[in-house]
PDB file of N, CA and C in Angstrom:
ATOM      1  N   MET A   1     -86.673  58.063 153.207  1.00  0.00           N
ATOM      2  CA  MET A   1     -85.738  59.079 153.635  1.00  0.00           C
ATOM      3  C   MET A   1     -85.566  60.080 152.499  1.00  0.00           C
ATOM      4  N   ALA A   2     -84.808  61.103 152.805  1.00  0.00           N
ATOM      5  CA  ALA A   2     -84.678  62.168 151.833  1.00  0.00           C
ATOM      6  C   ALA A   2     -83.264  62.736 151.854  1.00  0.00           C
ATOM      7  N   LEU A   3     -82.992  63.511 150.827  1.00  0.00           N
ATOM      8  CA  LEU A   3     -81.745  64.246 150.697  1.00  0.00           C
ATOM      9  C   LEU A   3     -82.051  65.730 150.828  1.00  0.00           C
ATOM     10  N   LEU A   4     -81.048  66.488 151.264  1.00  0.00           N
ATOM     11  CA  LEU A   4     -81.176  67.941 151.256  1.00  0.00           C
ATOM     12  C   LEU A   4     -80.312  68.489 150.140  1.00  0.00           C
ATOM     13  N   LYS A   5     -80.888  69.373 149.348  1.00  0.00           N
ATOM     14  CA  LYS A   5     -80.181  69.980 148.234  1.00  0.00           C
ATOM     15  C   LYS A   5     -80.179  71.494 148.421  1.00  0.00           C
ATOM     16  N   GLN A   6     -78.987  72.084 148.359  1.00  0.00           N
ATOM     17  CA  GLN A   6     -78.895  73.540 148.442  1.00  0.00           C
ATOM     18  C   GLN A   6     -79.256  74.111 147.090  1.00  0.00           C
ATOM     19  N   ILE A   7     -80.235  74.985 147.052  1.00  0.00           N
ATOM     20  CA  ILE A   7     -80.757  75.523 145.798  1.00  0.00           C
ATOM     21  C   ILE A   7     -79.721  76.393 145.093  1.00  0.00           C
ATOM     22  N   SER A   8     -79.043  77.251 145.835  1.00  0.00           N
ATOM     23  CA  SER A   8     -78.109  78.200 145.219  1.00  0.00           C
ATOM     24  C   SER A   8     -76.912  77.527 144.562  1.00  0.00           C
ATOM     25  N   THR A   9     -76.500  76.378 145.098  1.00  0.00           N
ATOM     26  CA  THR A   9     -75.335  75.689 144.531  1.00  0.00           C
ATOM     27  C   THR A   9     -75.702  74.421 143.776  1.00  0.00           C
ATOM     28  N   GLN A  10     -76.988  74.027 143.876  1.00  0.00           N
ATOM     29  CA  GLN A  10     -77.464  72.774 143.268  1.00  0.00           C
ATOM     30  C   GLN A  10     -76.662  71.570 143.765  1.00  0.00           C
ATOM     31  N   THR A  11     -76.285  71.602 145.038  1.00  0.00           N
ATOM     32  CA  THR A  11     -75.472  70.543 145.640  1.00  0.00           C
ATOM     33  C   THR A  11     -76.266  69.840 146.734  1.00  0.00           C
ATOM     34  N   ASN A  12     -76.257  68.500 146.713  1.00  0.00           N
ATOM     35  CA  ASN A  12     -76.827  67.723 147.817  1.00  0.00           C
ATOM     36  C   ASN A  12     -75.855  67.802 148.980  1.00  0.00           C
ATOM     37  N   PHE A  13     -76.350  68.181 150.151  1.00  0.00           N
ATOM     38  CA  PHE A  13     -75.430  68.349 151.274  1.00  0.00           C
ATOM     39  C   PHE A  13     -75.756  67.491 152.485  1.00  0.00           C
ATOM     40  N   ALA A  14     -76.838  66.721 152.448  1.00  0.00           N
ATOM     41  CA  ALA A  14     -77.142  65.831 153.572  1.00  0.00           C
ATOM     42  C   ALA A  14     -78.085  64.737 153.109  1.00  0.00           C
ATOM     43  N   GLY A  15     -78.005  63.589 153.752  1.00  0.00           N
ATOM     44  CA  GLY A  15     -78.896  62.468 153.478  1.00  0.00           C
ATOM     45  C   GLY A  15     -79.474  61.943 154.775  1.00  0.00           C
ATOM     46  N   GLY A  16     -80.365  60.973 154.659  1.00  0.00           N
ATOM     47  CA  GLY A  16     -80.961  60.371 155.843  1.00  0.00           C
ATOM     48  C   GLY A  16     -81.984  61.253 156.522  1.00  0.00           C
ATOM     49  N   ILE A  17     -82.550  62.181 155.777  1.00  0.00           N
ATOM     50  CA  ILE A  17     -83.518  63.114 156.339  1.00  0.00           C
ATOM     51  C   ILE A  17     -84.857  62.400 156.497  1.00  0.00           C
ATOM     52  N   LYS A  18     -85.436  62.495 157.690  1.00  0.00           N
ATOM     53  CA  LYS A  18     -86.670  61.762 157.995  1.00  0.00           C
ATOM     54  C   LYS A  18     -87.924  62.503 157.551  1.00  0.00           C
ATOM     55  N   ASP A  19     -87.920  63.822 157.707  1.00  0.00           N
ATOM     56  CA  ASP A  19     -89.104  64.608 157.356  1.00  0.00           C
ATOM     57  C   ASP A  19     -88.688  66.063 157.184  1.00  0.00           C
ATOM     58  N   LEU A  20     -89.648  66.936 156.908  1.00  0.00           N
ATOM     59  CA  LEU A  20     -89.343  68.340 156.659  1.00  0.00           C
ATOM     60  C   LEU A  20     -88.763  69.046 157.881  1.00  0.00           C
ATOM     61  N   VAL A  21     -89.258  68.705 159.056  1.00  0.00           N
ATOM     62  CA  VAL A  21     -88.744  69.318 160.285  1.00  0.00           C
ATOM     63  C   VAL A  21     -87.288  68.917 160.500  1.00  0.00           C
ATOM     64  N   HIS A  22     -86.994  67.653 160.309  1.00  0.00           N
ATOM     65  CA  HIS A  22     -85.614  67.173 160.441  1.00  0.00           C
ATOM     66  C   HIS A  22     -84.724  67.854 159.413  1.00  0.00           C
ATOM     67  N   GLY A  23     -85.230  67.998 158.184  1.00  0.00           N
ATOM     68  CA  GLY A  23     -84.474  68.669 157.126  1.00  0.00           C
ATOM     69  C   GLY A  23     -84.154  70.106 157.478  1.00  0.00           C
ATOM     70  N   ALA A  24     -85.120  70.829 158.020  1.00  0.00           N
ATOM     71  CA  ALA A  24     -84.894  72.217 158.412  1.00  0.00           C
ATOM     72  C   ALA A  24     -83.842  72.308 159.518  1.00  0.00           C
ATOM     73  N   HIS A  25     -83.891  71.378 160.450  1.00  0.00           N
ATOM     74  CA  HIS A  25     -82.910  71.357 161.546  1.00  0.00           C
ATOM     75  C   HIS A  25     -81.497  71.126 161.005  1.00  0.00           C
ATOM     76  N   ILE A  26     -81.340  70.137 160.129  1.00  0.00           N
ATOM     77  CA  ILE A  26     -80.015  69.831 159.565  1.00  0.00           C
ATOM     78  C   ILE A  26     -79.513  70.987 158.711  1.00  0.00           C
ATOM     79  N   ALA A  27     -80.392  71.600 157.919  1.00  0.00           N
ATOM     80  CA  ALA A  27     -79.996  72.745 157.098  1.00  0.00           C
ATOM     81  C   ALA A  27     -79.510  73.889 157.975  1.00  0.00           C
ATOM     82  N   GLU A  28     -80.224  74.152 159.059  1.00  0.00           N
ATOM     83  CA  GLU A  28     -79.819  75.218 159.980  1.00  0.00           C
ATOM     84  C   GLU A  28     -78.445  74.931 160.574  1.00  0.00           C
ATOM     85  N   GLU A  29     -78.235  73.667 160.998  1.00  0.00           N
ATOM     86  CA  GLU A  29     -76.927  73.305 161.556  1.00  0.00           C
ATOM     87  C   GLU A  29     -75.806  73.410 160.533  1.00  0.00           C
ATOM     88  N   ALA A  30     -76.145  73.215 159.258  1.00  0.00           N
ATOM     89  CA  ALA A  30     -75.143  73.310 158.192  1.00  0.00           C
ATOM     90  C   ALA A  30     -74.924  74.750 157.738  1.00  0.00           C
ATOM     91  N   GLY A  31     -75.698  75.659 158.296  1.00  0.00           N
ATOM     92  CA  GLY A  31     -75.538  77.060 157.932  1.00  0.00           C
ATOM     93  C   GLY A  31     -76.198  77.432 156.613  1.00  0.00           C
ATOM     94  N   VAL A  32     -77.169  76.647 156.189  1.00  0.00           N
ATOM     95  CA  VAL A  32     -77.887  76.913 154.949  1.00  0.00           C
ATOM     96  C   VAL A  32     -79.173  77.659 155.283  1.00  0.00           C
ATOM     97  N   ALA A  33     -79.419  78.737 154.577  1.00  0.00           N
ATOM     98  CA  ALA A  33     -80.603  79.567 154.841  1.00  0.00           C
ATOM     99  C   ALA A  33     -81.883  78.766 154.630  1.00  0.00           C
ATOM    100  N   ALA A  34     -82.915  79.155 155.361  1.00  0.00           N
ATOM    101  CA  ALA A  34     -84.190  78.436 155.318  1.00  0.00           C
ATOM    102  C   ALA A  34     -84.823  78.443 153.928  1.00  0.00           C
ATOM    103  N   ASP A  35     -84.511  79.442 153.129  1.00  0.00           N
ATOM    104  CA  ASP A  35     -85.088  79.508 151.777  1.00  0.00           C
ATOM    105  C   ASP A  35     -84.115  79.029 150.703  1.00  0.00           C
ATOM    106  N   ASP A  36     -83.011  78.391 151.127  1.00  0.00           N
ATOM    107  CA  ASP A  36     -81.985  77.960 150.168  1.00  0.00           C
ATOM    108  C   ASP A  36     -81.780  76.448 150.151  1.00  0.00           C
ATOM    109  N   PHE A  37     -82.793  75.690 150.544  1.00  0.00           N
ATOM    110  CA  PHE A  37     -82.679  74.236 150.456  1.00  0.00           C
ATOM    111  C   PHE A  37     -84.020  73.640 150.101  1.00  0.00           C
ATOM    112  N   GLU A  38     -83.945  72.430 149.565  1.00  0.00           N
ATOM    113  CA  GLU A  38     -85.159  71.671 149.313  1.00  0.00           C
ATOM    114  C   GLU A  38     -84.937  70.238 149.758  1.00  0.00           C
ATOM    115  N   VAL A  39     -86.008  69.612 150.158  1.00  0.00           N
ATOM    116  CA  VAL A  39     -85.973  68.219 150.586  1.00  0.00           C
ATOM    117  C   VAL A  39     -86.382  67.374 149.383  1.00  0.00           C
ATOM    118  N   ILE A  40     -85.522  66.426 149.028  1.00  0.00           N
ATOM    119  CA  ILE A  40     -85.788  65.546 147.892  1.00  0.00           C
ATOM    120  C   ILE A  40     -85.932  64.133 148.431  1.00  0.00           C
ATOM    121  N   PHE A  41     -87.154  63.620 148.375  1.00  0.00           N
ATOM    122  CA  PHE A  41     -87.393  62.280 148.894  1.00  0.00           C
ATOM    123  C   PHE A  41     -86.844  61.249 147.925  1.00  0.00           C
ATOM    124  N   ASN A  42     -86.089  60.304 148.464  1.00  0.00           N
ATOM    125  CA  ASN A  42     -85.409  59.278 147.680  1.00  0.00           C
ATOM    126  C   ASN A  42     -86.083  57.934 147.971  1.00  0.00           C
ATOM    127  N   THR A  43     -86.868  57.451 147.029  1.00  0.00           N
ATOM    128  CA  THR A  43     -87.649  56.233 147.259  1.00  0.00           C
ATOM    129  C   THR A  43     -86.773  54.996 147.453  1.00  0.00           C
ATOM    130  N   ASP A  44     -85.639  54.925 146.779  1.00  0.00           N
ATOM    131  CA  ASP A  44     -84.748  53.765 146.957  1.00  0.00           C
ATOM    132  C   ASP A  44     -84.191  53.718 148.376  1.00  0.00           C
ATOM    133  N   GLU A  45     -83.805  54.868 148.891  1.00  0.00           N
ATOM    134  CA  GLU A  45     -83.269  54.930 150.254  1.00  0.00           C
ATOM    135  C   GLU A  45     -84.353  54.571 151.266  1.00  0.00           C
ATOM    136  N   VAL A  46     -85.553  55.082 151.051  1.00  0.00           N
ATOM    137  CA  VAL A  46     -86.665  54.765 151.943  1.00  0.00           C
ATOM    138  C   VAL A  46     -86.940  53.270 151.945  1.00  0.00           C
ATOM    139  N   GLN A  47     -86.993  52.659 150.771  1.00  0.00           N
ATOM    140  CA  GLN A  47     -87.278  51.225 150.658  1.00  0.00           C
ATOM    141  C   GLN A  47     -86.205  50.391 151.363  1.00  0.00           C
ATOM    142  N   THR A  48     -84.954  50.758 151.186  1.00  0.00           N
ATOM    143  CA  THR A  48     -83.857  50.032 151.838  1.00  0.00           C
ATOM    144  C   THR A  48     -83.964  50.131 153.359  1.00  0.00           C
ATOM    145  N   LEU A  49     -84.206  51.334 153.851  1.00  0.00           N
ATOM    146  CA  LEU A  49     -84.320  51.510 155.301  1.00  0.00           C
ATOM    147  C   LEU A  49     -85.558  50.829 155.857  1.00  0.00           C
ATOM    148  N   ARG A  50     -86.638  50.829 155.090  1.00  0.00           N
ATOM    149  CA  ARG A  50     -87.861  50.154 155.525  1.00  0.00           C
ATOM    150  C   ARG A  50     -87.606  48.651 155.662  1.00  0.00           C
ATOM    151  N   ARG A  51     -86.955  48.058 154.680  1.00  0.00           N
ATOM    152  CA  ARG A  51     -86.659  46.614 154.737  1.00  0.00           C
ATOM    153  C   ARG A  51     -85.768  46.276 155.921  1.00  0.00           C
ATOM    154  N   LYS A  52     -84.745  47.094 156.150  1.00  0.00           N
ATOM    155  CA  LYS A  52     -83.854  46.854 157.294  1.00  0.00           C
ATOM    156  C   LYS A  52     -84.629  46.956 158.606  1.00  0.00           C
ATOM    157  N   SER A  53     -85.527  47.914 158.673  1.00  0.00           N
ATOM    158  CA  SER A  53     -86.318  48.083 159.898  1.00  0.00           C
ATOM    159  C   SER A  53     -87.278  46.927 160.109  1.00  0.00           C
ATOM    160  N   TYR A  54     -87.899  46.447 159.033  1.00  0.00           N
ATOM    161  CA  TYR A  54     -88.755  45.270 159.170  1.00  0.00           C
ATOM    162  C   TYR A  54     -87.950  44.109 159.743  1.00  0.00           C
ATOM    163  N   SER A  55     -86.763  43.876 159.185  1.00  0.00           N
ATOM    164  CA  SER A  55     -85.926  42.763 159.652  1.00  0.00           C
ATOM    165  C   SER A  55     -85.570  42.908 161.124  1.00  0.00           C
ATOM    166  N   ALA A  56     -85.196  44.109 161.515  1.00  0.00           N
ATOM    167  CA  ALA A  56     -84.740  44.326 162.884  1.00  0.00           C
ATOM    168  C   ALA A  56     -85.877  44.453 163.890  1.00  0.00           C
ATOM    169  N   GLN A  57     -87.025  44.996 163.466  1.00  0.00           N
ATOM    170  CA  GLN A  57     -88.048  45.361 164.433  1.00  0.00           C
ATOM    171  C   GLN A  57     -89.317  44.511 164.395  1.00  0.00           C
ATOM    172  N   SER A  58     -89.594  43.839 163.280  1.00  0.00           N
ATOM    173  CA  SER A  58     -90.876  43.124 163.245  1.00  0.00           C
ATOM    174  C   SER A  58     -90.802  41.665 162.803  1.00  0.00           C
ATOM    175  N   ASP A  59     -89.753  41.277 162.111  1.00  0.00           N
ATOM    176  CA  ASP A  59     -89.703  39.899 161.633  1.00  0.00           C
ATOM    177  C   ASP A  59     -89.772  38.886 162.768  1.00  0.00           C
ATOM    178  N   TYR A  60     -89.072  39.134 163.860  1.00  0.00           N
ATOM    179  CA  TYR A  60     -89.092  38.182 164.978  1.00  0.00           C
ATOM    180  C   TYR A  60     -90.493  38.072 165.583  1.00  0.00           C
ATOM    181  N   LEU A  61     -91.266  39.171 165.511  1.00  0.00           N
ATOM    182  CA  LEU A  61     -92.633  39.117 166.013  1.00  0.00           C
ATOM    183  C   LEU A  61     -93.522  38.253 165.124  1.00  0.00           C
ATOM    184  N   PHE A  62     -93.240  38.247 163.824  1.00  0.00           N
ATOM    185  CA  PHE A  62     -93.963  37.363 162.918  1.00  0.00           C
ATOM    186  C   PHE A  62     -93.684  35.907 163.273  1.00  0.00           C
ATOM    187  N   PHE A  63     -92.423  35.599 163.558  1.00  0.00           N
ATOM    188  CA  PHE A  63     -92.071  34.226 163.930  1.00  0.00           C
ATOM    189  C   PHE A  63     -92.737  33.834 165.251  1.00  0.00           C
ATOM    190  N   ASP A  64     -92.812  34.775 166.181  1.00  0.00           N
ATOM    191  CA  ASP A  64     -93.540  34.506 167.425  1.00  0.00           C
ATOM    192  C   ASP A  64     -95.008  34.201 167.135  1.00  0.00           C
ATOM    193  N   TYR A  65     -95.593  34.970 166.244  1.00  0.00           N
ATOM    194  CA  TYR A  65     -96.994  34.757 165.857  1.00  0.00           C
ATOM    195  C   TYR A  65     -97.173  33.380 165.217  1.00  0.00           C
ATOM    196  N   MET A  66     -96.319  33.008 164.292  1.00  0.00           N
ATOM    197  CA  MET A  66     -96.417  31.706 163.626  1.00  0.00           C
ATOM    198  C   MET A  66     -96.233  30.563 164.626  1.00  0.00           C
ATOM    199  N   ALA A  67     -95.337  30.751 165.584  1.00  0.00           N
ATOM    200  CA  ALA A  67     -95.126  29.724 166.608  1.00  0.00           C
ATOM    201  C   ALA A  67     -96.372  29.572 167.482  1.00  0.00           C
ATOM    202  N   ALA A  68     -97.003  30.691 167.818  1.00  0.00           N
ATOM    203  CA  ALA A  68     -98.220  30.638 168.628  1.00  0.00           C
ATOM    204  C   ALA A  68     -99.350  29.967 167.860  1.00  0.00           C
ATOM    205  N   VAL A  69     -99.445  30.237 166.557  1.00  0.00           N
ATOM    206  CA  VAL A  69    -100.471  29.582 165.728  1.00  0.00           C
ATOM    207  C   VAL A  69    -100.231  28.075 165.704  1.00  0.00           C
ATOM    208  N   ALA A  70     -98.964  27.673 165.507  1.00  0.00           N
ATOM    209  CA  ALA A  70     -98.638  26.248 165.435  1.00  0.00           C
ATOM    210  C   ALA A  70     -98.894  25.544 166.769  1.00  0.00           C
ATOM    211  N   GLU A  71     -98.578  26.216 167.860  1.00  0.00           N
ATOM    212  CA  GLU A  71     -98.696  25.581 169.169  1.00  0.00           C
ATOM    213  C   GLU A  71    -100.100  25.648 169.753  1.00  0.00           C
ATOM    214  N   PHE A  72    -100.762  26.788 169.593  1.00  0.00           N
ATOM    215  CA  PHE A  72    -102.043  26.998 170.270  1.00  0.00           C
ATOM    216  C   PHE A  72    -103.246  27.118 169.339  1.00  0.00           C
ATOM    217  N   GLY A  73    -102.999  27.277 168.032  1.00  0.00           N
ATOM    218  CA  GLY A  73    -104.091  27.430 167.078  1.00  0.00           C
ATOM    219  C   GLY A  73    -104.306  28.884 166.695  1.00  0.00           C
ATOM    220  N   ASP A  74    -104.847  29.079 165.504  1.00  0.00           N
ATOM    221  CA  ASP A  74    -105.014  30.413 164.935  1.00  0.00           C
ATOM    222  C   ASP A  74    -105.945  31.304 165.749  1.00  0.00           C
ATOM    223  N   SER A  75    -106.939  30.725 166.387  1.00  0.00           N
ATOM    224  CA  SER A  75    -107.919  31.533 167.119  1.00  0.00           C
ATOM    225  C   SER A  75    -107.611  31.632 168.613  1.00  0.00           C
ATOM    226  N   SER A  76    -106.432  31.207 169.023  1.00  0.00           N
ATOM    227  CA  SER A  76    -106.078  31.252 170.445  1.00  0.00           C
ATOM    228  C   SER A  76    -105.737  32.676 170.881  1.00  0.00           C
ATOM    229  N   ALA A  77    -105.817  32.907 172.173  1.00  0.00           N
ATOM    230  CA  ALA A  77    -105.458  34.209 172.734  1.00  0.00           C
ATOM    231  C   ALA A  77    -103.970  34.507 172.504  1.00  0.00           C
ATOM    232  N   GLN A  78    -103.147  33.474 172.615  1.00  0.00           N
ATOM    233  CA  GLN A  78    -101.705  33.660 172.404  1.00  0.00           C
ATOM    234  C   GLN A  78    -101.411  34.108 170.971  1.00  0.00           C
ATOM    235  N   ALA A  79    -102.063  33.451 170.008  1.00  0.00           N
ATOM    236  CA  ALA A  79    -101.856  33.819 168.606  1.00  0.00           C
ATOM    237  C   ALA A  79    -102.386  35.221 168.325  1.00  0.00           C
ATOM    238  N   SER A  80    -103.531  35.542 168.895  1.00  0.00           N
ATOM    239  CA  SER A  80    -104.122  36.863 168.700  1.00  0.00           C
ATOM    240  C   SER A  80    -103.221  37.965 169.257  1.00  0.00           C
ATOM    241  N   THR A  81    -102.687  37.741 170.450  1.00  0.00           N
ATOM    242  CA  THR A  81    -101.779  38.707 171.068  1.00  0.00           C
ATOM    243  C   THR A  81    -100.508  38.883 170.239  1.00  0.00           C
ATOM    244  N   ALA A  82     -99.951  37.759 169.790  1.00  0.00           N
ATOM    245  CA  ALA A  82     -98.728  37.813 168.987  1.00  0.00           C
ATOM    246  C   ALA A  82     -98.980  38.504 167.643  1.00  0.00           C
ATOM    247  N   LYS A  83    -100.121  38.237 167.033  1.00  0.00           N
ATOM    248  CA  LYS A  83    -100.452  38.870 165.751  1.00  0.00           C
ATOM    249  C   LYS A  83    -100.616  40.379 165.924  1.00  0.00           C
ATOM    250  N   THR A  84    -101.276  40.788 166.982  1.00  0.00           N
ATOM    251  CA  THR A  84    -101.468  42.210 167.250  1.00  0.00           C
ATOM    252  C   THR A  84    -100.127  42.916 167.433  1.00  0.00           C
ATOM    253  N   ALA A  85     -99.215  42.302 168.173  1.00  0.00           N
ATOM    254  CA  ALA A  85     -97.888  42.884 168.386  1.00  0.00           C
ATOM    255  C   ALA A  85     -97.127  43.005 167.069  1.00  0.00           C
ATOM    256  N   TRP A  86     -97.176  41.963 166.243  1.00  0.00           N
ATOM    257  CA  TRP A  86     -96.486  41.964 164.953  1.00  0.00           C
ATOM    258  C   TRP A  86     -97.040  43.059 164.044  1.00  0.00           C
ATOM    259  N   LEU A  87     -98.367  43.119 163.898  1.00  0.00           N
ATOM    260  CA  LEU A  87     -98.970  44.104 163.002  1.00  0.00           C
ATOM    261  C   LEU A  87     -98.754  45.538 163.507  1.00  0.00           C
ATOM    262  N   ALA A  88     -98.754  45.734 164.799  1.00  0.00           N
ATOM    263  CA  ALA A  88     -98.495  47.067 165.351  1.00  0.00           C
ATOM    264  C   ALA A  88     -97.077  47.521 165.024  1.00  0.00           C
ATOM    265  N   GLN A  89     -96.124  46.605 165.133  1.00  0.00           N
ATOM    266  CA  GLN A  89     -94.737  46.964 164.840  1.00  0.00           C
ATOM    267  C   GLN A  89     -94.538  47.217 163.344  1.00  0.00           C
ATOM    268  N   ARG A  90     -95.208  46.431 162.512  1.00  0.00           N
ATOM    269  CA  ARG A  90     -95.145  46.681 161.057  1.00  0.00           C
ATOM    270  C   ARG A  90     -95.695  48.068 160.732  1.00  0.00           C
ATOM    271  N   GLU A  91     -96.781  48.440 161.369  1.00  0.00           N
ATOM    272  CA  GLU A  91     -97.377  49.758 161.131  1.00  0.00           C
ATOM    273  C   GLU A  91     -96.442  50.869 161.590  1.00  0.00           C
ATOM    274  N   ALA A  92     -95.746  50.640 162.696  1.00  0.00           N
ATOM    275  CA  ALA A  92     -94.778  51.625 163.180  1.00  0.00           C
ATOM    276  C   ALA A  92     -93.653  51.838 162.166  1.00  0.00           C
ATOM    277  N   VAL A  93     -93.192  50.751 161.559  1.00  0.00           N
ATOM    278  CA  VAL A  93     -92.145  50.862 160.529  1.00  0.00           C
ATOM    279  C   VAL A  93     -92.690  51.608 159.315  1.00  0.00           C
ATOM    280  N   LYS A  94     -93.900  51.285 158.900  1.00  0.00           N
ATOM    281  CA  LYS A  94     -94.501  51.967 157.753  1.00  0.00           C
ATOM    282  C   LYS A  94     -94.653  53.456 158.013  1.00  0.00           C
ATOM    283  N   THR A  95     -94.980  53.823 159.245  1.00  0.00           N
ATOM    284  CA  THR A  95     -95.125  55.225 159.601  1.00  0.00           C
ATOM    285  C   THR A  95     -93.783  55.926 159.592  1.00  0.00           C
ATOM    286  N   GLN A  96     -92.757  55.238 160.074  1.00  0.00           N
ATOM    287  CA  GLN A  96     -91.413  55.823 160.125  1.00  0.00           C
ATOM    288  C   GLN A  96     -90.827  56.013 158.727  1.00  0.00           C
ATOM    289  N   PHE A  97     -91.111  55.079 157.827  1.00  0.00           N
ATOM    290  CA  PHE A  97     -90.575  55.126 156.471  1.00  0.00           C
ATOM    291  C   PHE A  97     -91.706  55.000 155.451  1.00  0.00           C
ATOM    292  N   PRO A  98     -92.493  56.058 155.268  1.00  0.00           N
ATOM    293  CA  PRO A  98     -93.624  55.986 154.344  1.00  0.00           C
ATOM    294  C   PRO A  98     -93.164  55.884 152.892  1.00  0.00           C
ATOM    295  N   LYS A  99     -94.007  55.238 152.077  1.00  0.00           N
ATOM    296  CA  LYS A  99     -93.691  55.124 150.649  1.00  0.00           C
ATOM    297  C   LYS A  99     -93.952  56.430 149.955  1.00  0.00           C
TER     298      LYS A  99
END
């Protein structure tokens, strides 16, 4: 995630910015000119949100995958399907919160 900083005042005025387009939208709503802000990516905030998203969106899929491996075997169709779902969701989180 990122912060928005107004250049003219050197003040951070918004957080939780997902990307440049989102930043421009929030700046416009705040009445800040398009040439008077910068997006500052905050790696700590991104890492925290990424971890929370993994917990909420993909961890349970990992447990489903492990259960399928234990019950049906690593090369079973059930395990393969569960692994694909888990890895797809992990990739979605990585895309949403890039390092």
